[in-house]
Amino acid sequence: MELYVGSTVLNTPDMDGAIGFWTAALGYVVRDGDSEFTILTHPTRQWSHLSLQFSGEPKRGFNRVHIDLYASDREREVSRLEALGATRVVPWKYAENDDHIVMAAPDGNEFCIVQSPDRQV
């Protein structure tokens, strides 16, 4: 099969802010872009792209699709992302053994930080 996920696209009302947050959060670089659409990529192309698309429409409710980011040390990554401007989505009802924390980027797009089961990512 020749089909694979090449990019996940997030709509954002703040292109510069989203570029700043996601490049710092993921260590990605801008591959190509302008004020309407920007493609971020891992420097060695290990992972799929993250693309940002400008949208003047206000965000309504929770994202229908979100990104799960796997971490070898979930709590350390949550703290690092909070320092970059992300916030924990509260209130959020977690089950006793949940391995994730729901967060929002500065532009409001939700994502999860998931503890990697093998502690290596």
PDB file of N, CA and C in Angstrom:
ATOM      1  N   MET A   1       0.849  -1.182   0.000  1.00  0.00           N
ATOM      2  CA  MET A   1       0.000   0.000   0.000  1.00  0.00           C
ATOM      3  C   MET A   1       0.889   1.237   0.000  1.00  0.00           C
ATOM      4  N   GLU A   2       0.517   2.233  -0.771  1.00  0.00           N
ATOM      5  CA  GLU A   2       1.312   3.457  -0.907  1.00  0.00           C
ATOM      6  C   GLU A   2       0.685   4.650  -0.195  1.00  0.00           C
ATOM      7  N   LEU A   3      -0.134   4.394   0.807  1.00  0.00           N
ATOM      8  CA  LEU A   3      -0.839   5.465   1.503  1.00  0.00           C
ATOM      9  C   LEU A   3      -0.280   5.615   2.905  1.00  0.00           C
ATOM     10  N   TYR A   4       0.035   6.846   3.311  1.00  0.00           N
ATOM     11  CA  TYR A   4       0.530   7.100   4.664  1.00  0.00           C
ATOM     12  C   TYR A   4       0.153   8.515   5.080  1.00  0.00           C
ATOM     13  N   VAL A   5       0.214   8.787   6.364  1.00  0.00           N
ATOM     14  CA  VAL A   5      -0.076  10.127   6.869  1.00  0.00           C
ATOM     15  C   VAL A   5       1.154  10.988   6.610  1.00  0.00           C
ATOM     16  N   GLY A   6       0.985  12.002   5.799  1.00  0.00           N
ATOM     17  CA  GLY A   6       2.094  12.899   5.480  1.00  0.00           C
ATOM     18  C   GLY A   6       2.107  14.123   6.364  1.00  0.00           C
ATOM     19  N   SER A   7       0.917  14.582   6.768  1.00  0.00           N
ATOM     20  CA  SER A   7       0.837  15.794   7.565  1.00  0.00           C
ATOM     21  C   SER A   7      -0.485  15.829   8.309  1.00  0.00           C
ATOM     22  N   THR A   8      -0.456  16.386   9.484  1.00  0.00           N
ATOM     23  CA  THR A   8      -1.663  16.718  10.229  1.00  0.00           C
ATOM     24  C   THR A   8      -1.787  18.236  10.151  1.00  0.00           C
ATOM     25  N   VAL A   9      -2.968  18.731   9.835  1.00  0.00           N
ATOM     26  CA  VAL A   9      -3.171  20.162   9.654  1.00  0.00           C
ATOM     27  C   VAL A   9      -3.979  20.709  10.820  1.00  0.00           C
ATOM     28  N   LEU A  10      -3.462  21.762  11.433  1.00  0.00           N
ATOM     29  CA  LEU A  10      -4.170  22.467  12.502  1.00  0.00           C
ATOM     30  C   LEU A  10      -4.555  23.848  12.008  1.00  0.00           C
ATOM     31  N   ASN A  11      -5.797  24.226  12.213  1.00  0.00           N
ATOM     32  CA  ASN A  11      -6.232  25.591  11.920  1.00  0.00           C
ATOM     33  C   ASN A  11      -5.862  26.470  13.107  1.00  0.00           C
ATOM     34  N   THR A  12      -5.418  27.684  12.810  1.00  0.00           N
ATOM     35  CA  THR A  12      -5.007  28.589  13.876  1.00  0.00           C
ATOM     36  C   THR A  12      -5.331  30.033  13.505  1.00  0.00           C
ATOM     37  N   PRO A  13      -5.748  30.831  14.473  1.00  0.00           N
ATOM     38  CA  PRO A  13      -5.971  32.249  14.213  1.00  0.00           C
ATOM     39  C   PRO A  13      -4.683  33.067  14.355  1.00  0.00           C
ATOM     40  N   ASP A  14      -3.602  32.436  14.842  1.00  0.00           N
ATOM     41  CA  ASP A  14      -2.336  33.132  15.113  1.00  0.00           C
ATOM     42  C   ASP A  14      -1.189  32.324  14.507  1.00  0.00           C
ATOM     43  N   MET A  15      -0.925  32.540  13.232  1.00  0.00           N
ATOM     44  CA  MET A  15       0.083  31.756  12.523  1.00  0.00           C
ATOM     45  C   MET A  15       1.469  31.905  13.151  1.00  0.00           C
ATOM     46  N   ASP A  16       1.906  33.129  13.419  1.00  0.00           N
ATOM     47  CA  ASP A  16       3.239  33.323  14.000  1.00  0.00           C
ATOM     48  C   ASP A  16       3.350  32.664  15.370  1.00  0.00           C
ATOM     49  N   GLY A  17       2.321  32.823  16.198  1.00  0.00           N
ATOM     50  CA  GLY A  17       2.343  32.205  17.519  1.00  0.00           C
ATOM     51  C   GLY A  17       2.355  30.688  17.436  1.00  0.00           C
ATOM     52  N   ALA A  18       1.566  30.124  16.517  1.00  0.00           N
ATOM     53  CA  ALA A  18       1.519  28.667  16.358  1.00  0.00           C
ATOM     54  C   ALA A  18       2.850  28.134  15.843  1.00  0.00           C
ATOM     55  N   ILE A  19       3.461  28.824  14.899  1.00  0.00           N
ATOM     56  CA  ILE A  19       4.782  28.403  14.404  1.00  0.00           C
ATOM     57  C   ILE A  19       5.781  28.410  15.551  1.00  0.00           C
ATOM     58  N   GLY A  20       5.790  29.475  16.326  1.00  0.00           N
ATOM     59  CA  GLY A  20       6.716  29.571  17.455  1.00  0.00           C
ATOM     60  C   GLY A  20       6.509  28.463  18.472  1.00  0.00           C
ATOM     61  N   PHE A  21       5.247  28.205  18.821  1.00  0.00           N
ATOM     62  CA  PHE A  21       4.968  27.179  19.817  1.00  0.00           C
ATOM     63  C   PHE A  21       5.352  25.796  19.309  1.00  0.00           C
ATOM     64  N   TRP A  22       4.859  25.401  18.127  1.00  0.00           N
ATOM     65  CA  TRP A  22       5.061  24.030  17.660  1.00  0.00           C
ATOM     66  C   TRP A  22       6.513  23.742  17.271  1.00  0.00           C
ATOM     67  N   THR A  23       7.249  24.727  16.755  1.00  0.00           N
ATOM     68  CA  THR A  23       8.664  24.464  16.467  1.00  0.00           C
ATOM     69  C   THR A  23       9.438  24.264  17.766  1.00  0.00           C
ATOM     70  N   ALA A  24       9.125  25.055  18.788  1.00  0.00           N
ATOM     71  CA  ALA A  24       9.792  24.887  20.086  1.00  0.00           C
ATOM     72  C   ALA A  24       9.360  23.591  20.764  1.00  0.00           C
ATOM     73  N   ALA A  25       8.077  23.256  20.668  1.00  0.00           N
ATOM     74  CA  ALA A  25       7.563  22.064  21.339  1.00  0.00           C
ATOM     75  C   ALA A  25       8.119  20.782  20.724  1.00  0.00           C
ATOM     76  N   LEU A  26       8.182  20.736  19.387  1.00  0.00           N
ATOM     77  CA  LEU A  26       8.528  19.489  18.703  1.00  0.00           C
ATOM     78  C   LEU A  26       9.951  19.446  18.147  1.00  0.00           C
ATOM     79  N   GLY A  27      10.643  20.574  18.145  1.00  0.00           N
ATOM     80  CA  GLY A  27      11.957  20.608  17.521  1.00  0.00           C
ATOM     81  C   GLY A  27      11.867  20.563  16.002  1.00  0.00           C
ATOM     82  N   TYR A  28      10.695  20.877  15.460  1.00  0.00           N
ATOM     83  CA  TYR A  28      10.491  20.904  14.012  1.00  0.00           C
ATOM     84  C   TYR A  28      11.025  22.222  13.452  1.00  0.00           C
ATOM     85  N   VAL A  29      11.194  22.268  12.150  1.00  0.00           N
ATOM     86  CA  VAL A  29      11.606  23.475  11.449  1.00  0.00           C
ATOM     87  C   VAL A  29      10.572  23.791  10.367  1.00  0.00           C
ATOM     88  N   VAL A  30      10.554  25.047   9.939  1.00  0.00           N
ATOM     89  CA  VAL A  30       9.657  25.446   8.855  1.00  0.00           C
ATOM     90  C   VAL A  30      10.236  24.922   7.543  1.00  0.00           C
ATOM     91  N   ARG A  31       9.470  24.101   6.860  1.00  0.00           N
ATOM     92  CA  ARG A  31       9.895  23.594   5.557  1.00  0.00           C
ATOM     93  C   ARG A  31       9.495  24.563   4.457  1.00  0.00           C
ATOM     94  N   ASP A  32       8.293  25.082   4.585  1.00  0.00           N
ATOM     95  CA  ASP A  32       7.758  25.986   3.575  1.00  0.00           C
ATOM     96  C   ASP A  32       6.565  26.679   4.196  1.00  0.00           C
ATOM     97  N   GLY A  33       6.331  27.930   3.817  1.00  0.00           N
ATOM     98  CA  GLY A  33       5.142  28.541   4.357  1.00  0.00           C
ATOM     99  C   GLY A  33       5.001  30.006   4.070  1.00  0.00           C
ATOM    100  N   ASP A  34       3.816  30.489   4.397  1.00  0.00           N
ATOM    101  CA  ASP A  34       3.488  31.897   4.294  1.00  0.00           C
ATOM    102  C   ASP A  34       2.449  32.208   5.367  1.00  0.00           C
ATOM    103  N   SER A  35       1.788  33.336   5.262  1.00  0.00           N
ATOM    104  CA  SER A  35       0.841  33.740   6.304  1.00  0.00           C
ATOM    105  C   SER A  35      -0.451  32.929   6.280  1.00  0.00           C
ATOM    106  N   GLU A  36      -0.673  32.131   5.250  1.00  0.00           N
ATOM    107  CA  GLU A  36      -1.900  31.334   5.144  1.00  0.00           C
ATOM    108  C   GLU A  36      -1.703  29.850   5.442  1.00  0.00           C
ATOM    109  N   PHE A  37      -0.521  29.300   5.094  1.00  0.00           N
ATOM    110  CA  PHE A  37      -0.291  27.865   5.253  1.00  0.00           C
ATOM    111  C   PHE A  37       1.209  27.616   5.413  1.00  0.00           C
ATOM    112  N   THR A  38       1.574  26.916   6.477  1.00  0.00           N
ATOM    113  CA  THR A  38       2.977  26.640   6.753  1.00  0.00           C
ATOM    114  C   THR A  38       3.153  25.166   7.093  1.00  0.00           C
ATOM    115  N   ILE A  39       4.173  24.566   6.515  1.00  0.00           N
ATOM    116  CA  ILE A  39       4.484  23.159   6.779  1.00  0.00           C
ATOM    117  C   ILE A  39       5.694  23.096   7.702  1.00  0.00           C
ATOM    118  N   LEU A  40       5.512  22.414   8.846  1.00  0.00           N
ATOM    119  CA  LEU A  40       6.614  22.175   9.781  1.00  0.00           C
ATOM    120  C   LEU A  40       7.049  20.728   9.617  1.00  0.00           C
ATOM    121  N   THR A  41       8.338  20.487   9.701  1.00  0.00           N
ATOM    122  CA  THR A  41       8.849  19.139   9.510  1.00  0.00           C
ATOM    123  C   THR A  41       9.951  18.841  10.522  1.00  0.00           C
ATOM    124  N   HIS A  42      10.105  17.582  10.857  1.00  0.00           N
ATOM    125  CA  HIS A  42      11.222  17.151  11.687  1.00  0.00           C
ATOM    126  C   HIS A  42      12.490  17.328  10.857  1.00  0.00           C
ATOM    127  N   PRO A  43      13.572  17.835  11.440  1.00  0.00           N
ATOM    128  CA  PRO A  43      14.787  18.106  10.660  1.00  0.00           C
ATOM    129  C   PRO A  43      15.320  16.895   9.881  1.00  0.00           C
ATOM    130  N   THR A  44      15.105  15.689  10.395  1.00  0.00           N
ATOM    131  CA  THR A  44      15.588  14.504   9.679  1.00  0.00           C
ATOM    132  C   THR A  44      14.447  13.708   9.066  1.00  0.00           C
ATOM    133  N   ARG A  45      13.241  14.300   9.031  1.00  0.00           N
ATOM    134  CA  ARG A  45      12.043  13.696   8.451  1.00  0.00           C
ATOM    135  C   ARG A  45      11.697  12.344   9.065  1.00  0.00           C
ATOM    136  N   GLN A  46      11.904  12.208  10.376  1.00  0.00           N
ATOM    137  CA  GLN A  46      11.563  10.968  11.074  1.00  0.00           C
ATOM    138  C   GLN A  46      10.067  10.779  11.236  1.00  0.00           C
ATOM    139  N   TRP A  47       9.328  11.863  11.342  1.00  0.00           N
ATOM    140  CA  TRP A  47       7.906  11.809  11.672  1.00  0.00           C
ATOM    141  C   TRP A  47       7.121  12.550  10.606  1.00  0.00           C
ATOM    142  N   SER A  48       5.803  12.421  10.658  1.00  0.00           N
ATOM    143  CA  SER A  48       4.973  13.141   9.688  1.00  0.00           C
ATOM    144  C   SER A  48       5.042  14.646   9.962  1.00  0.00           C
ATOM    145  N   HIS A  49       4.684  15.412   8.958  1.00  0.00           N
ATOM    146  CA  HIS A  49       4.690  16.873   9.066  1.00  0.00           C
ATOM    147  C   HIS A  49       3.539  17.339   9.956  1.00  0.00           C
ATOM    148  N   LEU A  50       3.690  18.548  10.463  1.00  0.00           N
ATOM    149  CA  LEU A  50       2.595  19.260  11.108  1.00  0.00           C
ATOM    150  C   LEU A  50       2.411  20.531  10.302  1.00  0.00           C
ATOM    151  N   SER A  51       1.233  20.710   9.739  1.00  0.00           N
ATOM    152  CA  SER A  51       0.969  21.896   8.932  1.00  0.00           C
ATOM    153  C   SER A  51       0.005  22.808   9.671  1.00  0.00           C
ATOM    154  N   LEU A  52       0.214  24.097   9.488  1.00  0.00           N
ATOM    155  CA  LEU A  52      -0.610  25.106  10.143  1.00  0.00           C
ATOM    156  C   LEU A  52      -1.320  25.908   9.070  1.00  0.00           C
ATOM    157  N   GLN A  53      -2.616  26.055   9.248  1.00  0.00           N
ATOM    158  CA  GLN A  53      -3.427  26.779   8.275  1.00  0.00           C
ATOM    159  C   GLN A  53      -4.142  27.915   8.989  1.00  0.00           C
ATOM    160  N   PHE A  54      -3.983  29.127   8.459  1.00  0.00           N
ATOM    161  CA  PHE A  54      -4.645  30.267   9.075  1.00  0.00           C
ATOM    162  C   PHE A  54      -6.156  30.129   8.955  1.00  0.00           C
ATOM    163  N   SER A  55      -6.849  30.452  10.030  1.00  0.00           N
ATOM    164  CA  SER A  55      -8.304  30.478  10.022  1.00  0.00           C
ATOM    165  C   SER A  55      -8.770  31.642  10.880  1.00  0.00           C
ATOM    166  N   GLY A  56      -9.559  32.504  10.282  1.00  0.00           N
ATOM    167  CA  GLY A  56     -10.128  33.619  11.019  1.00  0.00           C
ATOM    168  C   GLY A  56     -11.376  33.227  11.799  1.00  0.00           C
ATOM    169  N   GLU A  57     -11.828  32.001  11.601  1.00  0.00           N
ATOM    170  CA  GLU A  57     -13.014  31.510  12.315  1.00  0.00           C
ATOM    171  C   GLU A  57     -12.650  31.195  13.759  1.00  0.00           C
ATOM    172  N   PRO A  58     -13.468  31.600  14.705  1.00  0.00           N
ATOM    173  CA  PRO A  58     -13.174  31.263  16.106  1.00  0.00           C
ATOM    174  C   PRO A  58     -13.331  29.759  16.354  1.00  0.00           C
ATOM    175  N   LYS A  59     -12.524  29.249  17.247  1.00  0.00           N
ATOM    176  CA  LYS A  59     -12.603  27.844  17.646  1.00  0.00           C
ATOM    177  C   LYS A  59     -13.872  27.656  18.472  1.00  0.00           C
ATOM    178  N   ARG A  60     -14.579  26.564  18.206  1.00  0.00           N
ATOM    179  CA  ARG A  60     -15.816  26.274  18.940  1.00  0.00           C
ATOM    180  C   ARG A  60     -15.693  24.888  19.555  1.00  0.00           C
ATOM    181  N   GLY A  61     -15.746  24.791  20.863  1.00  0.00           N
ATOM    182  CA  GLY A  61     -15.706  23.491  21.528  1.00  0.00           C
ATOM    183  C   GLY A  61     -14.363  22.799  21.374  1.00  0.00           C
ATOM    184  N   PHE A  62     -14.372  21.495  21.618  1.00  0.00           N
ATOM    185  CA  PHE A  62     -13.150  20.701  21.518  1.00  0.00           C
ATOM    186  C   PHE A  62     -12.856  20.363  20.065  1.00  0.00           C
ATOM    187  N   ASN A  63     -11.570  20.200  19.765  1.00  0.00           N
ATOM    188  CA  ASN A  63     -11.169  19.761  18.422  1.00  0.00           C
ATOM    189  C   ASN A  63     -11.798  18.406  18.132  1.00  0.00           C
ATOM    190  N   ARG A  64     -12.221  18.201  16.924  1.00  0.00           N
ATOM    191  CA  ARG A  64     -12.749  16.892  16.532  1.00  0.00           C
ATOM    192  C   ARG A  64     -11.603  15.913  16.335  1.00  0.00           C
ATOM    193  N   VAL A  65     -10.447  16.407  15.976  1.00  0.00           N
ATOM    194  CA  VAL A  65      -9.235  15.595  15.824  1.00  0.00           C
ATOM    195  C   VAL A  65      -8.160  16.286  16.641  1.00  0.00           C
ATOM    196  N   HIS A  66      -7.345  15.506  17.308  1.00  0.00           N
ATOM    197  CA  HIS A  66      -6.242  16.110  18.054  1.00  0.00           C
ATOM    198  C   HIS A  66      -4.995  15.255  17.907  1.00  0.00           C
ATOM    199  N   ILE A  67      -3.873  15.795  18.331  1.00  0.00           N
ATOM    200  CA  ILE A  67      -2.583  15.111  18.236  1.00  0.00           C
ATOM    201  C   ILE A  67      -2.276  14.456  19.572  1.00  0.00           C
ATOM    202  N   ASP A  68      -1.806  13.221  19.544  1.00  0.00           N
ATOM    203  CA  ASP A  68      -1.249  12.557  20.724  1.00  0.00           C
ATOM    204  C   ASP A  68       0.264  12.578  20.583  1.00  0.00           C
ATOM    205  N   LEU A  69       0.932  13.203  21.541  1.00  0.00           N
ATOM    206  CA  LEU A  69       2.392  13.253  21.551  1.00  0.00           C
ATOM    207  C   LEU A  69       2.887  12.296  22.621  1.00  0.00           C
ATOM    208  N   TYR A  70       3.718  11.354  22.237  1.00  0.00           N
ATOM    209  CA  TYR A  70       4.237  10.357  23.171  1.00  0.00           C
ATOM    210  C   TYR A  70       5.537  10.855  23.785  1.00  0.00           C
ATOM    211  N   ALA A  71       5.703  10.629  25.082  1.00  0.00           N
ATOM    212  CA  ALA A  71       6.869  11.123  25.808  1.00  0.00           C
ATOM    213  C   ALA A  71       7.447  10.023  26.686  1.00  0.00           C
ATOM    214  N   SER A  72       8.763  10.015  26.805  1.00  0.00           N
ATOM    215  CA  SER A  72       9.399   9.060  27.716  1.00  0.00           C
ATOM    216  C   SER A  72       9.250   9.529  29.160  1.00  0.00           C
ATOM    217  N   ASP A  73       9.057  10.839  29.372  1.00  0.00           N
ATOM    218  CA  ASP A  73       8.830  11.396  30.704  1.00  0.00           C
ATOM    219  C   ASP A  73       7.699  12.422  30.579  1.00  0.00           C
ATOM    220  N   ARG A  74       6.476  11.950  30.729  1.00  0.00           N
ATOM    221  CA  ARG A  74       5.290  12.775  30.508  1.00  0.00           C
ATOM    222  C   ARG A  74       5.298  14.049  31.355  1.00  0.00           C
ATOM    223  N   GLU A  75       5.568  13.927  32.641  1.00  0.00           N
ATOM    224  CA  GLU A  75       5.501  15.093  33.528  1.00  0.00           C
ATOM    225  C   GLU A  75       6.541  16.150  33.155  1.00  0.00           C
ATOM    226  N   ARG A  76       7.731  15.721  32.765  1.00  0.00           N
ATOM    227  CA  ARG A  76       8.764  16.678  32.352  1.00  0.00           C
ATOM    228  C   ARG A  76       8.320  17.417  31.096  1.00  0.00           C
ATOM    229  N   GLU A  77       7.729  16.687  30.148  1.00  0.00           N
ATOM    230  CA  GLU A  77       7.275  17.323  28.909  1.00  0.00           C
ATOM    231  C   GLU A  77       6.102  18.259  29.158  1.00  0.00           C
ATOM    232  N   VAL A  78       5.197  17.879  30.034  1.00  0.00           N
ATOM    233  CA  VAL A  78       4.078  18.769  30.368  1.00  0.00           C
ATOM    234  C   VAL A  78       4.623  20.074  30.946  1.00  0.00           C
ATOM    235  N   SER A  79       5.573  19.991  31.846  1.00  0.00           N
ATOM    236  CA  SER A  79       6.169  21.205  32.434  1.00  0.00           C
ATOM    237  C   SER A  79       6.869  22.057  31.376  1.00  0.00           C
ATOM    238  N   ARG A  80       7.595  21.413  30.476  1.00  0.00           N
ATOM    239  CA  ARG A  80       8.301  22.137  29.416  1.00  0.00           C
ATOM    240  C   ARG A  80       7.302  22.842  28.498  1.00  0.00           C
ATOM    241  N   LEU A  81       6.222  22.154  28.141  1.00  0.00           N
ATOM    242  CA  LEU A  81       5.221  22.749  27.259  1.00  0.00           C
ATOM    243  C   LEU A  81       4.448  23.873  27.950  1.00  0.00           C
ATOM    244  N   GLU A  82       4.218  23.735  29.250  1.00  0.00           N
ATOM    245  CA  GLU A  82       3.588  24.837  30.003  1.00  0.00           C
ATOM    246  C   GLU A  82       4.483  26.072  29.970  1.00  0.00           C
ATOM    247  N   ALA A  83       5.789  25.881  30.061  1.00  0.00           N
ATOM    248  CA  ALA A  83       6.720  27.008  29.993  1.00  0.00           C
ATOM    249  C   ALA A  83       6.685  27.683  28.619  1.00  0.00           C
ATOM    250  N   LEU A  84       6.294  26.933  27.591  1.00  0.00           N
ATOM    251  CA  LEU A  84       6.170  27.485  26.241  1.00  0.00           C
ATOM    252  C   LEU A  84       4.804  28.132  25.995  1.00  0.00           C
ATOM    253  N   GLY A  85       3.894  28.041  26.966  1.00  0.00           N
ATOM    254  CA  GLY A  85       2.589  28.684  26.842  1.00  0.00           C
ATOM    255  C   GLY A  85       1.395  27.750  26.759  1.00  0.00           C
ATOM    256  N   ALA A  86       1.623  26.443  26.733  1.00  0.00           N
ATOM    257  CA  ALA A  86       0.505  25.496  26.731  1.00  0.00           C
ATOM    258  C   ALA A  86      -0.132  25.466  28.115  1.00  0.00           C
ATOM    259  N   THR A  87      -1.376  25.032  28.169  1.00  0.00           N
ATOM    260  CA  THR A  87      -2.070  24.915  29.449  1.00  0.00           C
ATOM    261  C   THR A  87      -2.727  23.544  29.541  1.00  0.00           C
ATOM    262  N   ARG A  88      -2.916  23.090  30.779  1.00  0.00           N
ATOM    263  CA  ARG A  88      -3.687  21.858  30.993  1.00  0.00           C
ATOM    264  C   ARG A  88      -5.164  22.197  30.819  1.00  0.00           C
ATOM    265  N   VAL A  89      -5.882  21.322  30.123  1.00  0.00           N
ATOM    266  CA  VAL A  89      -7.317  21.531  29.941  1.00  0.00           C
ATOM    267  C   VAL A  89      -8.005  21.085  31.223  1.00  0.00           C
ATOM    268  N   VAL A  90      -8.666  22.034  31.898  1.00  0.00           N
ATOM    269  CA  VAL A  90      -9.351  21.732  33.150  1.00  0.00           C
ATOM    270  C   VAL A  90     -10.763  22.297  33.073  1.00  0.00           C
ATOM    271  N   PRO A  91     -11.703  21.712  33.718  1.00  0.00           N
ATOM    272  CA  PRO A  91     -11.560  20.417  34.371  1.00  0.00           C
ATOM    273  C   PRO A  91     -11.579  19.292  33.338  1.00  0.00           C
ATOM    274  N   TRP A  92     -10.880  18.254  33.621  1.00  0.00           N
ATOM    275  CA  TRP A  92     -10.867  17.072  32.767  1.00  0.00           C
ATOM    276  C   TRP A  92     -10.984  15.861  33.666  1.00  0.00           C
ATOM    277  N   LYS A  93     -11.886  14.981  33.349  1.00  0.00           N
ATOM    278  CA  LYS A  93     -12.103  13.803  34.182  1.00  0.00           C
ATOM    279  C   LYS A  93     -11.215  12.658  33.679  1.00  0.00           C
ATOM    280  N   TYR A  94     -10.264  12.277  34.496  1.00  0.00           N
ATOM    281  CA  TYR A  94      -9.348  11.193  34.152  1.00  0.00           C
ATOM    282  C   TYR A  94      -9.747   9.917  34.890  1.00  0.00           C
ATOM    283  N   ALA A  95      -9.584   8.787  34.228  1.00  0.00           N
ATOM    284  CA  ALA A  95      -9.743   7.503  34.896  1.00  0.00           C
ATOM    285  C   ALA A  95      -8.461   7.216  35.676  1.00  0.00           C
ATOM    286  N   GLU A  96      -8.544   6.295  36.617  1.00  0.00           N
ATOM    287  CA  GLU A  96      -7.418   6.018  37.529  1.00  0.00           C
ATOM    288  C   GLU A  96      -6.107   5.700  36.803  1.00  0.00           C
ATOM    289  N   ASN A  97      -6.143   4.930  35.742  1.00  0.00           N
ATOM    290  CA  ASN A  97      -4.915   4.500  35.083  1.00  0.00           C
ATOM    291  C   ASN A  97      -4.652   5.216  33.755  1.00  0.00           C
ATOM    292  N   ASP A  98      -5.240   6.357  33.534  1.00  0.00           N
ATOM    293  CA  ASP A  98      -5.003   7.082  32.282  1.00  0.00           C
ATOM    294  C   ASP A  98      -3.522   7.419  32.142  1.00  0.00           C
ATOM    295  N   ASP A  99      -3.041   7.288  30.919  1.00  0.00           N
ATOM    296  CA  ASP A  99      -1.623   7.542  30.655  1.00  0.00           C
ATOM    297  C   ASP A  99      -1.396   8.883  29.969  1.00  0.00           C
ATOM    298  N   HIS A 100      -2.428   9.716  29.894  1.00  0.00           N
ATOM    299  CA  HIS A 100      -2.304  10.965  29.146  1.00  0.00           C
ATOM    300  C   HIS A 100      -2.740  12.168  29.975  1.00  0.00           C
ATOM    301  N   ILE A 101      -2.283  13.334  29.512  1.00  0.00           N
ATOM    302  CA  ILE A 101      -2.714  14.618  30.070  1.00  0.00           C
ATOM    303  C   ILE A 101      -3.181  15.464  28.898  1.00  0.00           C
ATOM    304  N   VAL A 102      -4.375  16.027  29.002  1.00  0.00           N
ATOM    305  CA  VAL A 102      -4.946  16.842  27.938  1.00  0.00           C
ATOM    306  C   VAL A 102      -4.465  18.280  28.122  1.00  0.00           C
ATOM    307  N   MET A 103      -3.924  18.828  27.042  1.00  0.00           N
ATOM    308  CA  MET A 103      -3.388  20.190  27.075  1.00  0.00           C
ATOM    309  C   MET A 103      -3.949  20.984  25.906  1.00  0.00           C
ATOM    310  N   ALA A 104      -3.737  22.292  25.947  1.00  0.00           N
ATOM    311  CA  ALA A 104      -4.102  23.171  24.836  1.00  0.00           C
ATOM    312  C   ALA A 104      -2.907  24.041  24.496  1.00  0.00           C
ATOM    313  N   ALA A 105      -2.656  24.174  23.204  1.00  0.00           N
ATOM    314  CA  ALA A 105      -1.624  25.097  22.721  1.00  0.00           C
ATOM    315  C   ALA A 105      -2.099  26.524  23.000  1.00  0.00           C
ATOM    316  N   PRO A 106      -1.216  27.512  22.903  1.00  0.00           N
ATOM    317  CA  PRO A 106      -1.648  28.892  23.153  1.00  0.00           C
ATOM    318  C   PRO A 106      -2.830  29.351  22.299  1.00  0.00           C
ATOM    319  N   ASP A 107      -3.006  28.770  21.100  1.00  0.00           N
ATOM    320  CA  ASP A 107      -4.136  29.165  20.256  1.00  0.00           C
ATOM    321  C   ASP A 107      -5.407  28.380  20.568  1.00  0.00           C
ATOM    322  N   GLY A 108      -5.353  27.482  21.573  1.00  0.00           N
ATOM    323  CA  GLY A 108      -6.533  26.750  22.003  1.00  0.00           C
ATOM    324  C   GLY A 108      -6.669  25.346  21.457  1.00  0.00           C
ATOM    325  N   ASN A 109      -5.860  24.957  20.474  1.00  0.00           N
ATOM    326  CA  ASN A 109      -5.941  23.597  19.928  1.00  0.00           C
ATOM    327  C   ASN A 109      -5.499  22.580  20.970  1.00  0.00           C
ATOM    328  N   GLU A 110      -6.371  21.588  21.219  1.00  0.00           N
ATOM    329  CA  GLU A 110      -6.059  20.567  22.222  1.00  0.00           C
ATOM    330  C   GLU A 110      -5.122  19.503  21.654  1.00  0.00           C
ATOM    331  N   PHE A 111      -4.325  18.925  22.553  1.00  0.00           N
ATOM    332  CA  PHE A 111      -3.462  17.797  22.237  1.00  0.00           C
ATOM    333  C   PHE A 111      -3.230  17.034  23.524  1.00  0.00           C
ATOM    334  N   CYS A 112      -2.738  15.819  23.419  1.00  0.00           N
ATOM    335  CA  CYS A 112      -2.474  15.008  24.602  1.00  0.00           C
ATOM    336  C   CYS A 112      -0.992  14.681  24.696  1.00  0.00           C
ATOM    337  N   ILE A 113      -0.495  14.645  25.908  1.00  0.00           N
ATOM    338  CA  ILE A 113       0.840  14.126  26.175  1.00  0.00           C
ATOM    339  C   ILE A 113       0.625  12.756  26.794  1.00  0.00           C
ATOM    340  N   VAL A 114       1.125  11.731  26.125  1.00  0.00           N
ATOM    341  CA  VAL A 114       0.909  10.346  26.511  1.00  0.00           C
ATOM    342  C   VAL A 114       2.222   9.757  27.003  1.00  0.00           C
ATOM    343  N   GLN A 115       2.166   9.113  28.163  1.00  0.00           N
ATOM    344  CA  GLN A 115       3.345   8.411  28.650  1.00  0.00           C
ATOM    345  C   GLN A 115       3.604   7.214  27.738  1.00  0.00           C
ATOM    346  N   SER A 116       4.751   7.184  27.108  1.00  0.00           N
ATOM    347  CA  SER A 116       5.090   6.073  26.220  1.00  0.00           C
ATOM    348  C   SER A 116       5.193   4.790  27.030  1.00  0.00           C
ATOM    349  N   PRO A 117       4.512   3.726  26.603  1.00  0.00           N
ATOM    350  CA  PRO A 117       4.521   2.486  27.394  1.00  0.00           C
ATOM    351  C   PRO A 117       5.899   1.865  27.524  1.00  0.00           C
ATOM    352  N   ASP A 118       6.763   2.062  26.552  1.00  0.00           N
ATOM    353  CA  ASP A 118       8.095   1.462  26.638  1.00  0.00           C
ATOM    354  C   ASP A 118       9.152   2.442  27.138  1.00  0.00           C
ATOM    355  N   ARG A 119       8.717   3.649  27.532  1.00  0.00           N
ATOM    356  CA  ARG A 119       9.582   4.683  28.090  1.00  0.00           C
ATOM    357  C   ARG A 119      10.616   5.187  27.099  1.00  0.00           C
ATOM    358  N   GLN A 120      10.538   4.758  25.844  1.00  0.00           N
ATOM    359  CA  GLN A 120      11.443   5.246  24.818  1.00  0.00           C
ATOM    360  C   GLN A 120      10.612   5.711  23.625  1.00  0.00           C
ATOM    361  N   VAL A 121      10.943   6.874  23.129  1.00  0.00           N
ATOM    362  CA  VAL A 121      10.245   7.386  21.943  1.00  0.00           C
ATOM    363  C   VAL A 121      11.252   7.798  20.902  1.00  0.00           C
TER     364      VAL A 121
END
